[in-house]
């Protein structure tokens, strides 16, 4: 048995429903809600294959969140898609604490995406010679890559020699697109040009050193996607009134939790960056697998008089505002709520993402310290069927 296919139009409503009916009969189940959507399956061409319906995840909004960024400035209501009760309420509380403290300062410190082919040479001496050749011919390689795209630019590379194997970590800018498909094509043309002009024995388009969709130290050190940093100085009054604790208690808790994370071997030091990133990504049409690297975040805290200074660094935030799934109907609407759909918006979106994460971090930390973490989840986070 095979899934039904429509050779004329496999993205028609009829083709989608036929597959859903087939699966219902095969599994002896009843499918109703998967196919019950106002979205035309035709719009998903290029986003999915063998479509059987739409997963309809609830979307909430938190805010207003005051952001003092270079690209995102003002008060924002941020859409978050999740099935985890208490999450939106927690982020909303964090947004209030940030806004009452004057807002969150955010800056994108670097931008770019990588593809990392490997090359097999005759021996270590040829490997070293190859790296020197790449350095001398980099302008030509940049030209070859540029001929494949109007939006991508090869701007630099890092080389790593392991015996007769050379790893090249190619660094591209990609405009407002996340850009992996764009740079894969460009990188492949670069590899073909190299093979024609230098005596390599073999190559592969990806060595796993770009570290796409996996957390890795190299992405923390060199950056991947958008590297973003944010800071807030929470006032004593806000901490006492809305977070029900003190700057000193939150600061002590963070430092103790960093030690716990080190003992556990955690990459990054944060409370739950993944929660905010996943909810924002799902609402706004980002590649969900990129949560794995985008959720690596580093929190730093210190007390200033009786205020609390908190900074956050996200070194590898993988986002786009064109291409991929961002123009599907509900995803586009969510991006438009925060003014981030289309060209010229990706840096703004990156700043909003970091600011959103900051709201979740301060709320969780305060909740744990103040002792209401469990009661909040009991109140908002338990689905009790009638």
Protein backbone atom coordinates (compact mmCIF):
# COMPACT_ATOMS: atom_id res chain seq x y z
CA UNK A 1 0.00 0.00 0.00
CA UNK A 2 1.12 3.53 -0.77
CA UNK A 3 -0.16 6.97 0.05
CA UNK A 4 -2.46 8.24 -2.70
CA UNK A 5 -0.85 10.66 -5.16
CA UNK A 6 -2.40 12.95 -7.72
CA UNK A 7 -0.03 13.28 -10.67
CA UNK A 8 -1.86 16.30 -12.03
CA UNK A 9 -2.03 18.28 -8.79
CA UNK A 10 -0.84 16.68 -5.57
CA UNK A 11 -1.56 19.91 -3.63
CA UNK A 12 -5.28 20.05 -4.36
CA UNK A 13 -7.83 19.79 -1.56
CA UNK A 14 -9.03 16.51 -3.08
CA UNK A 15 -5.52 15.00 -2.98
CA UNK A 16 -5.03 16.09 0.62
CA UNK A 17 -8.35 14.66 1.76
CA UNK A 18 -7.75 11.41 -0.14
CA UNK A 19 -4.53 10.85 1.76
CA UNK A 20 -6.16 11.68 5.08
CA UNK A 21 -9.01 9.23 4.33
CA UNK A 22 -6.47 6.56 3.39
CA UNK A 23 -4.64 7.02 6.70
CA UNK A 24 -7.89 6.97 8.65
CA UNK A 25 -8.91 3.67 7.07
CA UNK A 26 -5.42 2.20 7.44
CA UNK A 27 -5.19 3.12 11.13
CA UNK A 28 -8.89 2.55 11.88
CA UNK A 29 -9.11 6.10 13.23
CA UNK A 30 -11.20 9.14 12.47
CA UNK A 31 -9.59 12.23 10.90
CA UNK A 32 -11.63 15.39 10.98
CA UNK A 33 -9.68 18.38 12.27
CA UNK A 34 -6.48 17.83 10.25
CA UNK A 35 -8.27 18.57 6.99
CA UNK A 36 -10.61 21.19 8.48
CA UNK A 37 -8.70 24.36 7.63
CA UNK A 38 -9.45 27.51 5.67
CA UNK A 39 -5.93 27.47 4.22
CA UNK A 40 -5.63 26.33 0.60
CA UNK A 41 -3.22 23.37 0.38
CA UNK A 42 -1.89 24.88 -2.85
CA UNK A 43 -0.13 27.52 -0.75
CA UNK A 44 2.09 24.87 0.83
CA UNK A 45 3.81 23.90 -2.41
CA UNK A 46 7.54 24.09 -1.69
CA UNK A 47 6.94 23.78 2.07
CA UNK A 48 5.79 20.18 2.42
CA UNK A 49 5.16 16.96 0.51
CA UNK A 50 2.32 14.44 0.80
CA UNK A 51 0.22 16.95 2.73
CA UNK A 52 -2.62 15.48 4.80
CA UNK A 53 -3.77 18.63 6.62
CA UNK A 54 -2.76 21.36 9.04
CA UNK A 55 -1.62 21.15 12.66
CA UNK A 56 -3.54 23.95 14.33
CA UNK A 57 -1.60 25.07 17.40
CA UNK A 58 -3.11 27.72 19.69
CA UNK A 59 -1.45 31.13 19.47
CA UNK A 60 -1.42 33.63 22.31
CA UNK A 61 0.03 37.12 22.56
CA UNK A 62 2.12 38.70 25.25
CA UNK A 63 2.89 42.34 25.83
CA UNK A 64 3.23 45.21 25.60
CA UNK A 65 6.97 44.60 25.53
CA UNK A 66 9.05 47.76 25.30
CA UNK A 67 12.09 47.33 23.06
CA UNK A 68 14.87 49.87 22.63
CA UNK A 69 16.62 48.30 19.67
CA UNK A 70 18.38 49.65 16.63
CA UNK A 71 15.70 48.12 14.38
CA UNK A 72 12.84 47.31 16.78
CA UNK A 73 11.74 50.33 18.77
CA UNK A 74 8.53 50.78 20.70
CA UNK A 75 5.92 48.59 22.39
CA UNK A 76 5.22 45.20 20.83
CA UNK A 77 2.61 42.51 21.31
CA UNK A 78 4.37 39.27 20.42
CA UNK A 79 2.52 36.16 19.15
CA UNK A 80 3.56 32.86 20.73
CA UNK A 81 2.31 29.45 19.58
CA UNK A 82 2.35 26.79 22.27
CA UNK A 83 0.39 24.08 24.03
CA UNK A 84 2.20 24.67 27.33
CA UNK A 85 -0.08 26.30 29.86
CA UNK A 86 1.42 29.16 31.93
CA UNK A 87 4.01 30.00 29.24
CA UNK A 88 2.27 33.04 27.73
CA UNK A 89 1.25 34.26 31.19
CA UNK A 90 4.86 34.01 32.37
CA UNK A 91 6.23 35.86 29.35
CA UNK A 92 3.55 38.49 29.79
CA UNK A 93 4.69 39.12 33.35
CA UNK A 94 8.28 39.40 32.19
CA UNK A 95 7.24 41.86 29.49
CA UNK A 96 5.52 44.01 32.11
CA UNK A 97 8.62 44.01 34.33
CA UNK A 98 10.80 44.99 31.36
CA UNK A 99 8.48 47.74 30.18
CA UNK A 100 8.09 49.25 33.65
CA UNK A 101 11.88 49.27 33.97
CA UNK A 102 12.28 51.35 30.81
CA UNK A 103 12.53 48.60 28.20
CA UNK A 104 15.13 46.19 26.92
CA UNK A 105 18.14 47.39 24.92
CA UNK A 106 18.91 45.02 22.04
CA UNK A 107 21.61 44.90 19.36
CA UNK A 108 22.48 42.46 16.58
CA UNK A 109 26.26 42.08 16.78
CA UNK A 110 26.88 39.85 13.75
CA UNK A 111 24.98 38.30 10.86
CA UNK A 112 25.74 35.39 8.54
CA UNK A 113 25.17 31.71 7.86
CA UNK A 114 27.61 28.91 7.10
CA UNK A 115 28.09 25.86 4.92
CA UNK A 116 31.18 23.74 5.57
CA UNK A 117 32.38 21.38 2.81
CA UNK A 118 35.33 19.07 3.32
CA UNK A 119 38.03 18.23 0.79
CA UNK A 120 40.25 15.15 0.56
CA UNK A 121 43.83 15.80 -0.50
CA UNK A 122 46.78 13.52 -1.23
CA UNK A 123 48.59 14.22 2.05
CA UNK A 124 49.11 16.83 4.77
CA UNK A 125 51.46 18.87 2.59
CA UNK A 126 48.86 19.14 -0.18
CA UNK A 127 46.30 20.02 2.48
CA UNK A 128 48.35 22.97 3.67
CA UNK A 129 49.03 24.01 0.07
CA UNK A 130 45.28 23.85 -0.62
CA UNK A 131 44.45 26.27 2.21
CA UNK A 132 47.06 28.69 0.89
CA UNK A 133 45.54 28.38 -2.60
CA UNK A 134 42.05 29.16 -1.22
CA UNK A 135 43.40 32.29 0.48
CA UNK A 136 45.04 33.47 -2.75
CA UNK A 137 41.95 32.73 -4.86
CA UNK A 138 39.25 33.77 -2.43
CA UNK A 139 38.09 36.72 -4.53
CA UNK A 140 37.42 34.36 -7.43
CA UNK A 141 35.57 31.92 -5.17
CA UNK A 142 33.45 34.81 -3.91
CA UNK A 143 32.63 35.70 -7.52
CA UNK A 144 31.65 32.10 -8.32
CA UNK A 145 29.34 32.01 -5.29
CA UNK A 146 27.84 35.39 -6.14
CA UNK A 147 26.88 34.25 -9.63
CA UNK A 148 24.33 31.85 -8.09
CA UNK A 149 22.28 34.37 -6.11
CA UNK A 150 21.15 37.97 -6.02
CA UNK A 151 21.03 38.08 -2.24
CA UNK A 152 23.87 35.93 -0.91
CA UNK A 153 27.49 36.97 -0.51
CA UNK A 154 30.48 34.85 0.46
CA UNK A 155 32.45 37.11 2.77
CA UNK A 156 35.03 34.96 4.55
CA UNK A 157 36.09 31.44 5.48
CA UNK A 158 37.75 29.49 8.25
CA UNK A 159 39.95 26.49 7.50
CA UNK A 160 40.70 23.43 9.61
CA UNK A 161 43.25 20.79 8.61
CA UNK A 162 42.92 17.23 9.88
CA UNK A 163 45.70 15.24 8.21
CA UNK A 164 44.85 15.14 4.52
CA UNK A 165 41.30 16.39 5.09
CA UNK A 166 40.58 20.12 4.89
CA UNK A 167 37.38 21.61 6.28
CA UNK A 168 36.32 24.99 4.90
CA UNK A 169 33.70 26.84 6.91
CA UNK A 170 32.24 29.25 4.33
CA UNK A 171 30.53 32.32 5.79
CA UNK A 172 27.73 34.02 3.81
CA UNK A 173 25.34 36.91 4.27
CA UNK A 174 21.85 36.17 2.93
CA UNK A 175 19.77 39.33 3.22
CA UNK A 176 16.43 38.75 4.94
CA UNK A 177 16.28 35.02 4.18
CA UNK A 178 17.50 32.36 6.58
CA UNK A 179 19.37 31.27 3.48
CA UNK A 180 20.49 27.65 3.82
CA UNK A 181 19.15 26.59 0.41
CA UNK A 182 20.68 29.71 -1.12
CA UNK A 183 24.15 29.07 0.27
CA UNK A 184 24.04 25.34 -0.42
CA UNK A 185 23.78 26.07 -4.13
CA UNK A 186 26.50 28.71 -3.92
CA UNK A 187 28.80 26.41 -1.94
CA UNK A 188 28.31 23.59 -4.42
CA UNK A 189 29.43 25.84 -7.27
CA UNK A 190 32.47 26.89 -5.23
CA UNK A 191 33.35 23.22 -4.66
CA UNK A 192 33.01 22.45 -8.37
CA UNK A 193 35.29 25.37 -9.27
CA UNK A 194 37.86 24.18 -6.73
CA UNK A 195 37.80 20.66 -8.15
CA UNK A 196 38.45 22.07 -11.62
CA UNK A 197 41.39 24.21 -10.52
CA UNK A 198 43.12 22.33 -7.70
CA UNK A 199 44.04 18.62 -7.48
CA UNK A 200 41.64 17.49 -4.76
CA UNK A 201 40.70 13.81 -4.60
CA UNK A 202 37.15 14.27 -3.42
CA UNK A 203 34.78 16.64 -1.62
CA UNK A 204 31.41 16.66 0.16
CA UNK A 205 29.13 19.67 0.37
CA UNK A 206 28.79 19.45 4.16
CA UNK A 207 31.20 18.16 6.78
CA UNK A 208 28.94 18.81 9.78
CA UNK A 209 31.23 21.67 10.79
CA UNK A 210 28.66 24.30 9.82
CA UNK A 211 26.71 22.69 12.66
CA UNK A 212 23.28 23.32 11.21
CA UNK A 213 20.38 22.43 13.53
CA UNK A 214 22.62 21.30 16.37
CA UNK A 215 24.01 23.18 19.39
CA UNK A 216 27.79 23.61 19.25
CA UNK A 217 30.59 25.59 20.84
CA UNK A 218 31.85 26.80 17.45
CA UNK A 219 28.57 28.64 16.89
CA UNK A 220 28.90 30.28 20.30
CA UNK A 221 32.45 31.39 19.54
CA UNK A 222 32.14 32.41 15.87
CA UNK A 223 28.41 33.07 15.67
CA UNK A 224 25.84 31.68 13.26
CA UNK A 225 22.75 33.32 11.85
CA UNK A 226 22.19 36.40 13.97
CA UNK A 227 24.24 36.98 17.11
CA UNK A 228 22.10 39.15 19.38
CA UNK A 229 22.66 40.65 22.81
CA UNK A 230 20.16 42.35 25.12
CA UNK A 231 20.19 44.09 28.49
CA UNK A 232 17.73 45.40 31.09
CA UNK A 233 18.19 47.17 34.39
CA UNK A 234 15.23 46.07 36.51
CA UNK A 235 14.40 48.62 39.16
CA UNK A 236 14.06 47.72 42.83
CA UNK A 237 10.43 48.85 42.83
CA UNK A 238 9.50 46.65 39.86
CA UNK A 239 11.29 43.63 41.32
CA UNK A 240 9.57 43.97 44.67
CA UNK A 241 6.10 44.82 43.38
CA UNK A 242 5.74 42.64 40.30
CA UNK A 243 8.34 39.90 40.74
CA UNK A 244 7.90 39.66 44.52
CA UNK A 245 11.55 39.20 45.35
CA UNK A 246 14.82 41.17 45.43
CA UNK A 247 17.69 41.79 43.03
CA UNK A 248 20.10 40.00 45.36
CA UNK A 249 18.00 36.84 45.53
CA UNK A 250 17.66 36.59 41.73
CA UNK A 251 21.37 37.30 41.26
CA UNK A 252 22.37 34.60 43.75
CA UNK A 253 19.97 32.09 42.19
CA UNK A 254 21.36 32.68 38.70
CA UNK A 255 24.96 32.21 39.78
CA UNK A 256 24.08 29.01 41.63
CA UNK A 257 22.16 27.72 38.63
CA UNK A 258 25.11 28.42 36.34
CA UNK A 259 27.18 26.11 38.53
CA UNK A 260 24.46 23.47 38.34
CA UNK A 261 24.42 23.76 34.56
CA UNK A 262 28.21 23.40 34.43
CA UNK A 263 28.05 20.26 36.56
CA UNK A 264 25.41 18.88 34.19
CA UNK A 265 27.45 19.74 31.07
CA UNK A 266 24.87 22.15 29.63
CA UNK A 267 25.82 24.24 26.59
CA UNK A 268 24.75 27.76 27.46
CA UNK A 269 23.51 29.21 30.76
CA UNK A 270 19.85 30.11 30.84
CA UNK A 271 16.54 29.13 32.32
CA UNK A 272 14.39 28.27 29.31
CA UNK A 273 15.42 30.17 26.20
CA UNK A 274 14.06 27.27 24.13
CA UNK A 275 10.51 27.97 25.31
CA UNK A 276 10.35 31.47 23.88
CA UNK A 277 12.30 30.62 20.75
CA UNK A 278 10.11 27.60 19.96
CA UNK A 279 6.84 29.46 20.56
CA UNK A 280 7.93 32.44 18.46
CA UNK A 281 9.34 30.23 15.69
CA UNK A 282 6.18 28.15 15.47
CA UNK A 283 3.95 31.22 15.29
CA UNK A 284 6.12 33.02 12.74
CA UNK A 285 7.01 30.28 10.24
CA UNK A 286 10.63 29.66 11.16
CA UNK A 287 12.37 26.30 10.70
CA UNK A 288 11.59 24.51 13.96
CA UNK A 289 14.72 22.34 13.80
CA UNK A 290 16.78 25.51 14.20
CA UNK A 291 15.47 25.82 17.76
CA UNK A 292 18.27 23.38 18.67
CA UNK A 293 20.99 25.98 18.02
CA UNK A 294 18.95 29.14 18.49
CA UNK A 295 18.11 28.18 22.08
CA UNK A 296 21.73 28.34 23.23
CA UNK A 297 21.75 31.49 25.35
CA UNK A 298 23.95 33.01 28.02
CA UNK A 299 22.53 35.05 30.89
CA UNK A 300 24.63 37.35 33.09
CA UNK A 301 23.35 39.12 36.20
CA UNK A 302 24.68 41.60 38.72
CA UNK A 303 23.20 43.86 41.34
CA UNK A 304 23.45 47.65 40.97
CA UNK A 305 22.51 49.26 44.27
CA UNK A 306 19.15 47.52 44.76
CA UNK A 307 18.46 47.17 41.04
CA UNK A 308 19.22 44.09 38.96
CA UNK A 309 21.19 44.24 35.71
CA UNK A 310 20.54 41.31 33.36
CA UNK A 311 22.16 40.71 29.99
CA UNK A 312 21.51 37.97 27.46
CA UNK A 313 23.54 36.74 24.53
CA UNK A 314 22.13 34.49 21.81
CA UNK A 315 25.08 33.68 19.51
CA UNK A 316 23.31 31.58 16.88
CA UNK A 317 19.76 32.77 16.22
CA UNK A 318 18.60 31.36 12.87
CA UNK A 319 15.75 33.48 11.51
CA UNK A 320 14.33 34.82 8.25
CA UNK A 321 11.50 37.12 7.18
CA UNK A 322 11.37 36.01 3.53
CA UNK A 323 11.42 32.52 2.04
CA UNK A 324 10.68 29.24 3.78
CA UNK A 325 7.39 29.13 5.65
CA UNK A 326 7.07 32.81 6.57
CA UNK A 327 4.54 33.62 3.84
CA UNK A 328 2.04 30.90 4.73
CA UNK A 329 -1.18 32.62 5.83
CA UNK A 330 -1.11 32.37 9.63
CA UNK A 331 2.66 32.69 9.83
CA UNK A 332 2.56 35.85 7.72
CA UNK A 333 -0.14 37.31 9.93
CA UNK A 334 1.90 36.68 13.07
CA UNK A 335 4.95 38.34 11.54
CA UNK A 336 2.81 41.28 10.45
CA UNK A 337 1.55 41.73 14.02
CA UNK A 338 5.12 42.67 15.00
CA UNK A 339 5.89 44.40 11.67
CA UNK A 340 8.42 41.80 10.58
CA UNK A 341 7.21 40.25 7.34
CA UNK A 342 9.20 40.77 4.15
CA UNK A 343 12.35 42.52 3.02
CA UNK A 344 14.36 44.64 5.39
CA UNK A 345 12.84 43.14 8.54
CA UNK A 346 15.11 40.30 9.64
CA UNK A 347 17.26 42.34 12.04
CA UNK A 348 14.13 43.76 13.63
CA UNK A 349 12.77 40.24 14.06
CA UNK A 350 16.05 39.09 15.63
CA UNK A 351 15.88 41.93 18.15
CA UNK A 352 12.28 41.09 19.02
CA UNK A 353 13.22 37.44 19.49
CA UNK A 354 15.97 38.31 21.98
CA UNK A 355 13.71 40.74 23.83
CA UNK A 356 10.99 38.08 24.04
CA UNK A 357 13.44 35.57 25.48
CA UNK A 358 14.55 38.12 28.08
CA UNK A 359 10.95 38.44 29.27
CA UNK A 360 10.72 34.70 29.79
CA UNK A 361 14.06 34.49 31.57
CA UNK A 362 13.32 37.14 34.21
CA UNK A 363 9.83 35.81 34.86
CA UNK A 364 11.04 32.24 35.36
CA UNK A 365 13.93 33.29 37.61
CA UNK A 366 11.68 35.40 39.79
CA UNK A 367 9.07 32.64 39.95
CA UNK A 368 11.60 30.08 41.16
CA UNK A 369 13.09 32.45 43.75
CA UNK A 370 9.72 33.71 45.00
CA UNK A 371 8.38 30.16 45.29
CA UNK A 372 5.37 30.50 42.99
CA UNK A 373 6.73 28.39 40.11
CA UNK A 374 4.68 25.34 41.09
CA UNK A 375 1.48 27.21 41.92
CA UNK A 376 1.59 29.12 38.61
CA UNK A 377 1.76 25.85 36.68
CA UNK A 378 -1.01 24.40 38.83
CA UNK A 379 -3.18 27.40 38.02
CA UNK A 380 -2.45 27.85 34.29
CA UNK A 381 -0.61 24.77 33.11
CA UNK A 382 -2.79 21.79 33.85
CA UNK A 383 -5.32 20.64 31.32
CA UNK A 384 -8.07 19.11 33.46
CA UNK A 385 -10.62 17.36 31.26
CA UNK A 386 -14.22 17.60 32.44
